Amino acid sequence: MSDQRRPPLRIDAHDPRDRTRIGVTQVDPAARPTRIRFGGEASPRDVFLEWEGTLDDSGRLRRCPICGCGSLYRTRSLPAVTPYVLVVAFAGIGLSLLGYDDPRLLAVLTLLLAIDVGLLVFARTHLVCYRCGSRYDGLPIARQHRAWDRGEQQRQLEPRPETPVEGP
């Protein structure tokens, strides 16, 4: 059996307590590092990853290695140029509606349509954790992960009752 090299897993880590962004890093999921460090030497911040049950047999992410949440959703990230393409397209449509009749305008609008379709086709799909908001990119996505669901988001963000520790 040949050893296929997988691309690194890109993690955009968020704090599970308040969902604030910690930083972005890349890890090798085959190595399963237990700690990643953000912030450099000036103000280091360690994040500990829990890999037990995180990946399935085919290498797909099943749960968040940062907070352990089993509820992840898939979303697409559009390139940063998308809003500019839309503004120029609407300006061209506005000029067309005002009666500016030029074949160059039609050519530009056709080019913008092709760029927009290309952006949608090549947009990357990644996973986001409902509980902590961490984003994961670079692994194949399992079919069990669906698009964002408001009900699931509310269930994951509800305060959990603390389990009392019983003493002797």
N, C-alpha and C. Protein backbone atom coordinates (compact mmCIF):
# COMPACT_ATOMS: atom_id res chain seq x y z
N MET A 1 0.84 -1.18 0.00
CA MET A 1 0.00 0.00 0.00
C MET A 1 0.89 1.24 0.00
N SER A 2 0.64 2.18 -0.87
CA SER A 2 1.47 3.37 -0.97
C SER A 2 1.07 4.40 0.08
N ASP A 3 2.07 5.11 0.56
CA ASP A 3 1.83 6.14 1.57
C ASP A 3 1.53 7.45 0.86
N GLN A 4 0.27 7.85 0.85
CA GLN A 4 -0.11 9.10 0.19
C GLN A 4 0.06 10.25 1.18
N ARG A 5 0.74 11.29 0.73
CA ARG A 5 0.95 12.46 1.58
C ARG A 5 -0.29 13.34 1.49
N ARG A 6 -0.84 13.64 2.62
CA ARG A 6 -2.00 14.54 2.67
C ARG A 6 -1.50 15.96 2.91
N PRO A 7 -2.25 16.92 2.41
CA PRO A 7 -1.87 18.31 2.70
C PRO A 7 -2.04 18.58 4.19
N PRO A 8 -1.34 19.58 4.70
CA PRO A 8 -1.48 19.88 6.13
C PRO A 8 -2.88 20.40 6.45
N LEU A 9 -3.27 20.16 7.68
CA LEU A 9 -4.56 20.65 8.18
C LEU A 9 -4.34 22.09 8.64
N ARG A 10 -5.08 23.01 8.06
CA ARG A 10 -5.00 24.42 8.46
C ARG A 10 -6.02 24.66 9.55
N ILE A 11 -5.56 25.14 10.69
CA ILE A 11 -6.43 25.39 11.84
C ILE A 11 -6.46 26.88 12.13
N ASP A 12 -7.65 27.45 12.11
CA ASP A 12 -7.88 28.82 12.55
C ASP A 12 -8.52 28.68 13.93
N ALA A 13 -7.68 28.69 14.97
CA ALA A 13 -8.11 28.34 16.33
C ALA A 13 -8.82 29.49 17.03
N HIS A 14 -9.88 29.14 17.76
CA HIS A 14 -10.64 30.08 18.57
C HIS A 14 -10.72 29.54 20.00
N ASP A 15 -10.81 30.44 20.94
CA ASP A 15 -10.90 30.07 22.35
C ASP A 15 -12.29 29.49 22.64
N PRO A 16 -12.37 28.29 23.21
CA PRO A 16 -13.69 27.69 23.50
C PRO A 16 -14.51 28.47 24.53
N ARG A 17 -13.86 29.27 25.37
CA ARG A 17 -14.60 29.99 26.41
C ARG A 17 -15.37 31.18 25.85
N ASP A 18 -14.74 31.96 24.96
CA ASP A 18 -15.40 33.17 24.48
C ASP A 18 -15.39 33.31 22.96
N ARG A 19 -14.94 32.28 22.25
CA ARG A 19 -14.93 32.22 20.79
C ARG A 19 -14.04 33.29 20.15
N THR A 20 -13.11 33.87 20.88
CA THR A 20 -12.19 34.85 20.29
C THR A 20 -11.10 34.11 19.52
N ARG A 21 -10.61 34.75 18.48
CA ARG A 21 -9.61 34.14 17.62
C ARG A 21 -8.26 34.12 18.33
N ILE A 22 -7.60 32.97 18.26
CA ILE A 22 -6.27 32.81 18.86
C ILE A 22 -5.20 32.97 17.79
N GLY A 23 -5.36 32.27 16.67
CA GLY A 23 -4.38 32.35 15.61
C GLY A 23 -4.59 31.26 14.57
N VAL A 24 -3.73 31.27 13.55
CA VAL A 24 -3.82 30.30 12.45
C VAL A 24 -2.51 29.54 12.37
N THR A 25 -2.62 28.24 12.16
CA THR A 25 -1.43 27.40 12.01
C THR A 25 -1.76 26.22 11.11
N GLN A 26 -0.74 25.49 10.72
CA GLN A 26 -0.92 24.26 9.96
C GLN A 26 -0.26 23.12 10.71
N VAL A 27 -0.96 21.99 10.77
CA VAL A 27 -0.43 20.81 11.44
C VAL A 27 -0.57 19.61 10.52
N ASP A 28 0.24 18.61 10.77
CA ASP A 28 0.13 17.35 10.06
C ASP A 28 -0.77 16.44 10.87
N PRO A 29 -1.97 16.12 10.36
CA PRO A 29 -2.89 15.30 11.15
C PRO A 29 -2.36 13.90 11.41
N ALA A 30 -1.44 13.40 10.57
CA ALA A 30 -0.87 12.08 10.81
C ALA A 30 0.04 12.09 12.04
N ALA A 31 0.69 13.23 12.29
CA ALA A 31 1.57 13.35 13.46
C ALA A 31 0.78 13.55 14.75
N ARG A 32 -0.43 14.08 14.64
CA ARG A 32 -1.32 14.33 15.77
C ARG A 32 -0.61 15.06 16.93
N PRO A 33 -0.19 16.29 16.65
CA PRO A 33 0.47 17.04 17.74
C PRO A 33 -0.53 17.35 18.85
N THR A 34 -0.06 17.24 20.10
CA THR A 34 -0.95 17.49 21.23
C THR A 34 -0.95 18.94 21.65
N ARG A 35 0.04 19.71 21.19
CA ARG A 35 0.11 21.13 21.56
C ARG A 35 0.55 21.95 20.37
N ILE A 36 -0.14 23.08 20.18
CA ILE A 36 0.30 24.05 19.19
C ILE A 36 0.46 25.39 19.90
N ARG A 37 1.46 26.14 19.46
CA ARG A 37 1.79 27.41 20.12
C ARG A 37 1.52 28.57 19.19
N PHE A 38 0.85 29.58 19.74
CA PHE A 38 0.54 30.80 19.01
C PHE A 38 1.19 31.98 19.72
N GLY A 39 1.44 33.05 18.97
CA GLY A 39 1.89 34.29 19.58
C GLY A 39 3.38 34.48 19.63
N GLY A 40 4.17 33.50 19.29
CA GLY A 40 5.62 33.68 19.29
C GLY A 40 6.19 33.73 20.70
N GLU A 41 7.41 34.25 20.80
CA GLU A 41 8.12 34.26 22.08
C GLU A 41 7.66 35.37 23.00
N ALA A 42 7.13 36.47 22.44
CA ALA A 42 6.74 37.61 23.26
C ALA A 42 5.56 37.27 24.17
N SER A 43 4.53 36.69 23.61
CA SER A 43 3.36 36.32 24.42
C SER A 43 2.83 34.98 23.93
N PRO A 44 3.51 33.89 24.30
CA PRO A 44 3.09 32.59 23.79
C PRO A 44 1.75 32.15 24.38
N ARG A 45 1.01 31.44 23.58
CA ARG A 45 -0.25 30.88 24.04
C ARG A 45 -0.32 29.45 23.50
N ASP A 46 -0.42 28.51 24.38
CA ASP A 46 -0.49 27.11 24.00
C ASP A 46 -1.94 26.66 23.91
N VAL A 47 -2.22 25.88 22.87
CA VAL A 47 -3.53 25.27 22.71
C VAL A 47 -3.29 23.77 22.64
N PHE A 48 -4.00 23.03 23.46
CA PHE A 48 -3.83 21.58 23.51
C PHE A 48 -4.92 20.92 22.69
N LEU A 49 -4.50 19.99 21.84
CA LEU A 49 -5.41 19.31 20.94
C LEU A 49 -5.70 17.90 21.44
N GLU A 50 -6.95 17.52 21.38
CA GLU A 50 -7.38 16.18 21.77
C GLU A 50 -7.72 15.41 20.50
N TRP A 51 -6.89 14.44 20.12
CA TRP A 51 -7.06 13.72 18.87
C TRP A 51 -7.85 12.43 19.02
N GLU A 52 -8.12 11.99 20.24
CA GLU A 52 -8.84 10.74 20.45
C GLU A 52 -10.25 10.84 19.86
N GLY A 53 -10.55 10.05 18.85
CA GLY A 53 -11.85 10.05 18.21
C GLY A 53 -12.10 11.23 17.30
N THR A 54 -11.06 12.02 17.02
CA THR A 54 -11.23 13.21 16.20
C THR A 54 -11.27 12.88 14.71
N LEU A 55 -10.43 11.96 14.28
CA LEU A 55 -10.38 11.57 12.87
C LEU A 55 -10.98 10.18 12.71
N ASP A 56 -11.71 9.97 11.61
CA ASP A 56 -12.22 8.63 11.35
C ASP A 56 -11.16 7.83 10.59
N ASP A 57 -11.48 6.61 10.21
CA ASP A 57 -10.51 5.73 9.57
C ASP A 57 -10.01 6.25 8.23
N SER A 58 -10.83 7.04 7.55
CA SER A 58 -10.42 7.57 6.25
C SER A 58 -9.74 8.95 6.37
N GLY A 59 -9.48 9.41 7.59
CA GLY A 59 -8.76 10.67 7.78
C GLY A 59 -9.63 11.90 7.74
N ARG A 60 -10.94 11.72 7.87
CA ARG A 60 -11.86 12.87 7.88
C ARG A 60 -12.08 13.33 9.32
N LEU A 61 -12.24 14.63 9.47
CA LEU A 61 -12.44 15.21 10.80
C LEU A 61 -13.86 14.92 11.28
N ARG A 62 -13.98 14.31 12.45
CA ARG A 62 -15.29 13.98 13.02
C ARG A 62 -15.68 14.93 14.14
N ARG A 63 -14.70 15.45 14.85
CA ARG A 63 -14.98 16.35 15.96
C ARG A 63 -13.86 17.38 16.08
N CYS A 64 -14.12 18.42 16.81
CA CYS A 64 -13.16 19.52 16.99
C CYS A 64 -12.05 19.08 17.93
N PRO A 65 -10.78 19.12 17.49
CA PRO A 65 -9.69 18.73 18.38
C PRO A 65 -9.39 19.77 19.46
N ILE A 66 -9.95 20.96 19.36
CA ILE A 66 -9.69 22.00 20.36
C ILE A 66 -10.65 21.88 21.53
N CYS A 67 -11.97 21.80 21.25
CA CYS A 67 -12.94 21.75 22.35
C CYS A 67 -13.64 20.40 22.49
N GLY A 68 -13.45 19.51 21.51
CA GLY A 68 -14.05 18.18 21.58
C GLY A 68 -15.48 18.10 21.10
N CYS A 69 -16.03 19.18 20.60
CA CYS A 69 -17.41 19.20 20.12
C CYS A 69 -17.56 18.31 18.89
N GLY A 70 -18.60 17.50 18.86
CA GLY A 70 -18.83 16.63 17.73
C GLY A 70 -19.69 17.26 16.64
N SER A 71 -20.10 18.51 16.84
CA SER A 71 -20.95 19.19 15.87
C SER A 71 -20.13 20.20 15.08
N LEU A 72 -19.89 19.87 13.83
CA LEU A 72 -19.18 20.75 12.91
C LEU A 72 -20.08 21.00 11.72
N TYR A 73 -19.93 22.16 11.10
CA TYR A 73 -20.70 22.43 9.89
C TYR A 73 -19.76 22.85 8.77
N ARG A 74 -20.21 22.61 7.55
CA ARG A 74 -19.41 22.97 6.39
C ARG A 74 -19.84 24.33 5.86
N THR A 75 -18.87 25.06 5.38
CA THR A 75 -19.14 26.36 4.77
C THR A 75 -18.09 26.60 3.69
N ARG A 76 -18.40 27.50 2.80
CA ARG A 76 -17.47 27.83 1.73
C ARG A 76 -16.86 29.20 1.99
N SER A 77 -15.59 29.32 1.72
CA SER A 77 -14.93 30.61 1.86
C SER A 77 -14.70 31.20 0.48
N LEU A 78 -15.29 32.35 0.26
CA LEU A 78 -15.12 33.02 -1.02
C LEU A 78 -13.88 33.91 -0.98
N PRO A 79 -13.18 34.03 -2.07
CA PRO A 79 -12.00 34.90 -2.11
C PRO A 79 -12.37 36.35 -1.79
N ALA A 80 -11.40 37.11 -1.36
CA ALA A 80 -11.63 38.50 -0.94
C ALA A 80 -12.03 39.41 -2.10
N VAL A 81 -11.83 38.98 -3.33
CA VAL A 81 -12.13 39.83 -4.48
C VAL A 81 -13.62 39.80 -4.84
N THR A 82 -14.38 38.89 -4.29
CA THR A 82 -15.79 38.73 -4.64
C THR A 82 -16.61 40.02 -4.47
N PRO A 83 -16.49 40.76 -3.37
CA PRO A 83 -17.29 41.99 -3.25
C PRO A 83 -16.97 43.01 -4.35
N TYR A 84 -15.72 43.11 -4.76
CA TYR A 84 -15.36 44.05 -5.81
C TYR A 84 -15.97 43.65 -7.15
N VAL A 85 -15.97 42.36 -7.42
CA VAL A 85 -16.58 41.86 -8.66
C VAL A 85 -18.06 42.19 -8.66
N LEU A 86 -18.72 42.02 -7.52
CA LEU A 86 -20.15 42.31 -7.44
C LEU A 86 -20.44 43.80 -7.63
N VAL A 87 -19.62 44.67 -7.05
CA VAL A 87 -19.83 46.11 -7.19
C VAL A 87 -19.69 46.53 -8.65
N VAL A 88 -18.66 46.03 -9.32
CA VAL A 88 -18.46 46.39 -10.72
C VAL A 88 -19.59 45.82 -11.58
N ALA A 89 -20.05 44.62 -11.27
CA ALA A 89 -21.16 44.02 -12.03
C ALA A 89 -22.44 44.84 -11.86
N PHE A 90 -22.75 45.26 -10.63
CA PHE A 90 -23.95 46.08 -10.43
C PHE A 90 -23.82 47.45 -11.09
N ALA A 91 -22.62 48.00 -11.11
CA ALA A 91 -22.42 49.28 -11.81
C ALA A 91 -22.66 49.10 -13.30
N GLY A 92 -22.19 48.00 -13.86
CA GLY A 92 -22.43 47.72 -15.28
C GLY A 92 -23.90 47.51 -15.58
N ILE A 93 -24.60 46.83 -14.69
CA ILE A 93 -26.04 46.63 -14.87
C ILE A 93 -26.77 47.97 -14.79
N GLY A 94 -26.34 48.81 -13.86
CA GLY A 94 -26.94 50.14 -13.74
C GLY A 94 -26.74 50.97 -14.99
N LEU A 95 -25.54 50.93 -15.56
CA LEU A 95 -25.28 51.66 -16.81
C LEU A 95 -26.14 51.11 -17.95
N SER A 96 -26.31 49.80 -17.98
CA SER A 96 -27.15 49.20 -19.03
C SER A 96 -28.59 49.64 -18.89
N LEU A 97 -29.08 49.71 -17.65
CA LEU A 97 -30.46 50.13 -17.42
C LEU A 97 -30.67 51.61 -17.77
N LEU A 98 -29.61 52.41 -17.65
CA LEU A 98 -29.71 53.82 -17.98
C LEU A 98 -29.61 54.08 -19.48
N GLY A 99 -29.40 53.01 -20.24
CA GLY A 99 -29.41 53.16 -21.70
C GLY A 99 -28.04 53.24 -22.34
N TYR A 100 -26.98 53.08 -21.58
CA TYR A 100 -25.64 53.10 -22.15
C TYR A 100 -25.47 51.81 -22.94
N ASP A 101 -25.49 51.90 -24.24
CA ASP A 101 -25.49 50.73 -25.12
C ASP A 101 -24.14 50.63 -25.82
N ASP A 102 -23.26 49.82 -25.28
CA ASP A 102 -21.94 49.67 -25.85
C ASP A 102 -21.55 48.18 -25.79
N PRO A 103 -21.04 47.63 -26.88
CA PRO A 103 -20.65 46.21 -26.86
C PRO A 103 -19.52 45.92 -25.86
N ARG A 104 -18.68 46.93 -25.57
CA ARG A 104 -17.63 46.72 -24.58
C ARG A 104 -18.20 46.48 -23.20
N LEU A 105 -19.31 47.17 -22.90
CA LEU A 105 -19.98 46.97 -21.61
C LEU A 105 -20.49 45.54 -21.49
N LEU A 106 -21.07 45.02 -22.55
CA LEU A 106 -21.55 43.64 -22.56
C LEU A 106 -20.38 42.67 -22.40
N ALA A 107 -19.24 42.97 -23.03
CA ALA A 107 -18.07 42.11 -22.91
C ALA A 107 -17.54 42.11 -21.47
N VAL A 108 -17.51 43.29 -20.85
CA VAL A 108 -17.04 43.38 -19.46
C VAL A 108 -17.98 42.63 -18.52
N LEU A 109 -19.30 42.78 -18.72
CA LEU A 109 -20.25 42.07 -17.87
C LEU A 109 -20.15 40.55 -18.07
N THR A 110 -19.91 40.11 -19.30
CA THR A 110 -19.72 38.68 -19.55
C THR A 110 -18.46 38.18 -18.87
N LEU A 111 -17.39 38.96 -18.93
CA LEU A 111 -16.15 38.60 -18.25
C LEU A 111 -16.36 38.53 -16.74
N LEU A 112 -17.08 39.49 -16.19
CA LEU A 112 -17.36 39.47 -14.75
C LEU A 112 -18.21 38.26 -14.35
N LEU A 113 -19.15 37.89 -15.18
CA LEU A 113 -19.94 36.70 -14.92
C LEU A 113 -19.07 35.46 -14.91
N ALA A 114 -18.13 35.37 -15.85
CA ALA A 114 -17.22 34.23 -15.90
C ALA A 114 -16.33 34.20 -14.67
N ILE A 115 -15.84 35.36 -14.23
CA ILE A 115 -15.01 35.42 -13.02
C ILE A 115 -15.81 35.00 -11.81
N ASP A 116 -17.04 35.48 -11.70
CA ASP A 116 -17.88 35.14 -10.56
C ASP A 116 -18.18 33.65 -10.50
N VAL A 117 -18.50 33.06 -11.63
CA VAL A 117 -18.75 31.61 -11.67
C VAL A 117 -17.47 30.85 -11.30
N GLY A 118 -16.34 31.31 -11.81
CA GLY A 118 -15.06 30.68 -11.46
C GLY A 118 -14.78 30.76 -9.97
N LEU A 119 -15.08 31.91 -9.36
CA LEU A 119 -14.87 32.05 -7.92
C LEU A 119 -15.75 31.08 -7.14
N LEU A 120 -16.99 30.92 -7.57
CA LEU A 120 -17.89 30.00 -6.87
C LEU A 120 -17.46 28.55 -7.04
N VAL A 121 -16.95 28.21 -8.22
CA VAL A 121 -16.52 26.84 -8.47
C VAL A 121 -15.28 26.50 -7.65
N PHE A 122 -14.35 27.43 -7.55
CA PHE A 122 -13.09 27.15 -6.88
C PHE A 122 -13.07 27.58 -5.41
N ALA A 123 -14.19 27.99 -4.85
CA ALA A 123 -14.23 28.35 -3.44
C ALA A 123 -13.99 27.11 -2.60
N ARG A 124 -13.17 27.24 -1.59
CA ARG A 124 -12.82 26.09 -0.75
C ARG A 124 -13.89 25.86 0.31
N THR A 125 -14.16 24.60 0.57
CA THR A 125 -15.10 24.22 1.61
C THR A 125 -14.29 23.84 2.84
N HIS A 126 -14.69 24.36 3.99
CA HIS A 126 -14.00 24.01 5.23
C HIS A 126 -15.02 23.75 6.33
N LEU A 127 -14.54 23.21 7.44
CA LEU A 127 -15.40 22.89 8.58
C LEU A 127 -15.23 23.93 9.67
N VAL A 128 -16.34 24.22 10.36
CA VAL A 128 -16.33 25.16 11.48
C VAL A 128 -16.99 24.48 12.67
N CYS A 129 -16.42 24.65 13.84
CA CYS A 129 -16.98 24.08 15.06
C CYS A 129 -18.10 24.99 15.58
N TYR A 130 -19.24 24.40 15.89
CA TYR A 130 -20.35 25.18 16.43
C TYR A 130 -20.00 25.79 17.78
N ARG A 131 -19.31 25.06 18.64
CA ARG A 131 -19.09 25.51 20.01
C ARG A 131 -18.01 26.60 20.11
N CYS A 132 -16.83 26.35 19.56
CA CYS A 132 -15.74 27.31 19.74
C CYS A 132 -15.50 28.20 18.53
N GLY A 133 -16.01 27.82 17.35
CA GLY A 133 -15.84 28.64 16.16
C GLY A 133 -14.55 28.41 15.41
N SER A 134 -13.75 27.42 15.82
CA SER A 134 -12.50 27.12 15.12
C SER A 134 -12.81 26.60 13.72
N ARG A 135 -11.93 26.94 12.76
CA ARG A 135 -12.12 26.54 11.36
C ARG A 135 -11.02 25.57 10.97
N TYR A 136 -11.41 24.57 10.16
CA TYR A 136 -10.47 23.54 9.73
C TYR A 136 -10.55 23.40 8.21
N ASP A 137 -9.38 23.43 7.57
CA ASP A 137 -9.32 23.36 6.13
C ASP A 137 -8.16 22.46 5.74
N GLY A 138 -8.36 21.65 4.72
CA GLY A 138 -7.26 20.83 4.22
C GLY A 138 -7.50 19.34 4.31
N LEU A 139 -8.57 18.92 4.94
CA LEU A 139 -8.91 17.51 5.01
C LEU A 139 -10.18 17.25 4.22
N PRO A 140 -10.35 16.01 3.74
CA PRO A 140 -11.63 15.70 3.11
C PRO A 140 -12.75 15.80 4.15
N ILE A 141 -13.94 16.20 3.69
CA ILE A 141 -15.06 16.43 4.61
C ILE A 141 -16.02 15.26 4.54
N ALA A 142 -16.38 14.73 5.71
CA ALA A 142 -17.31 13.61 5.78
C ALA A 142 -18.71 14.06 5.40
N ARG A 143 -19.51 13.12 4.93
CA ARG A 143 -20.88 13.44 4.50
C ARG A 143 -21.76 13.85 5.66
N GLN A 144 -21.41 13.44 6.88
CA GLN A 144 -22.26 13.74 8.03
C GLN A 144 -22.32 15.23 8.33
N HIS A 145 -21.33 15.99 7.90
CA HIS A 145 -21.30 17.42 8.18
C HIS A 145 -22.15 18.17 7.16
N ARG A 146 -23.11 18.89 7.66
CA ARG A 146 -24.05 19.63 6.82
C ARG A 146 -23.75 21.12 6.91
N ALA A 147 -24.57 21.91 6.23
CA ALA A 147 -24.44 23.37 6.30
C ALA A 147 -24.89 23.85 7.68
N TRP A 148 -24.64 25.12 7.96
CA TRP A 148 -24.96 25.71 9.25
C TRP A 148 -26.44 25.58 9.56
N ASP A 149 -26.75 25.29 10.84
CA ASP A 149 -28.11 25.12 11.30
C ASP A 149 -28.29 25.95 12.57
N ARG A 150 -29.27 26.86 12.56
CA ARG A 150 -29.49 27.75 13.70
C ARG A 150 -29.81 26.97 14.98
N GLY A 151 -30.63 25.94 14.87
CA GLY A 151 -31.01 25.15 16.05
C GLY A 151 -29.80 24.48 16.68
N GLU A 152 -28.94 23.91 15.86
CA GLU A 152 -27.73 23.27 16.39
C GLU A 152 -26.81 24.30 17.02
N GLN A 153 -26.70 25.47 16.42
CA GLN A 153 -25.88 26.54 16.99
C GLN A 153 -26.38 26.93 18.37
N GLN A 154 -27.69 27.08 18.53
CA GLN A 154 -28.25 27.45 19.83
C GLN A 154 -28.04 26.35 20.86
N ARG A 155 -28.17 25.08 20.44
CA ARG A 155 -27.94 23.97 21.37
C ARG A 155 -26.50 23.96 21.85
N GLN A 156 -25.56 24.22 20.96
CA GLN A 156 -24.14 24.17 21.33
C GLN A 156 -23.72 25.36 22.19
N LEU A 157 -24.39 26.50 22.04
CA LEU A 157 -24.00 27.69 22.80
C LEU A 157 -24.75 27.84 24.11
N GLU A 158 -25.73 26.95 24.38
CA GLU A 158 -26.44 27.02 25.66
C GLU A 158 -25.45 26.74 26.78
N PRO A 159 -25.61 27.48 27.89
CA PRO A 159 -24.71 27.20 29.02
C PRO A 159 -24.97 25.80 29.55
N ARG A 160 -23.89 25.09 29.78
CA ARG A 160 -24.00 23.74 30.31
C ARG A 160 -23.93 23.77 31.83
N PRO A 161 -24.85 23.04 32.48
CA PRO A 161 -24.77 23.01 33.95
C PRO A 161 -23.51 22.30 34.41
N GLU A 162 -22.87 22.86 35.38
CA GLU A 162 -21.67 22.27 35.93
C GLU A 162 -22.05 21.03 36.72
N THR A 163 -21.31 19.95 36.51
CA THR A 163 -21.55 18.73 37.26
C THR A 163 -20.87 18.88 38.60
N PRO A 164 -21.66 18.79 39.70
CA PRO A 164 -21.01 18.93 41.02
C PRO A 164 -20.07 17.77 41.30
N VAL A 165 -18.94 18.10 41.86
CA VAL A 165 -17.98 17.08 42.24
C VAL A 165 -18.31 16.65 43.65
N GLU A 166 -18.59 15.38 43.80
CA GLU A 166 -18.95 14.89 45.12
C GLU A 166 -17.69 14.52 45.88
N GLY A 167 -17.61 15.01 47.08
CA GLY A 167 -16.45 14.72 47.92
C GLY A 167 -16.67 13.46 48.76
N PRO A 168 -15.67 13.05 49.51
CA PRO A 168 -15.81 11.85 50.35
C PRO A 168 -16.72 12.06 51.53
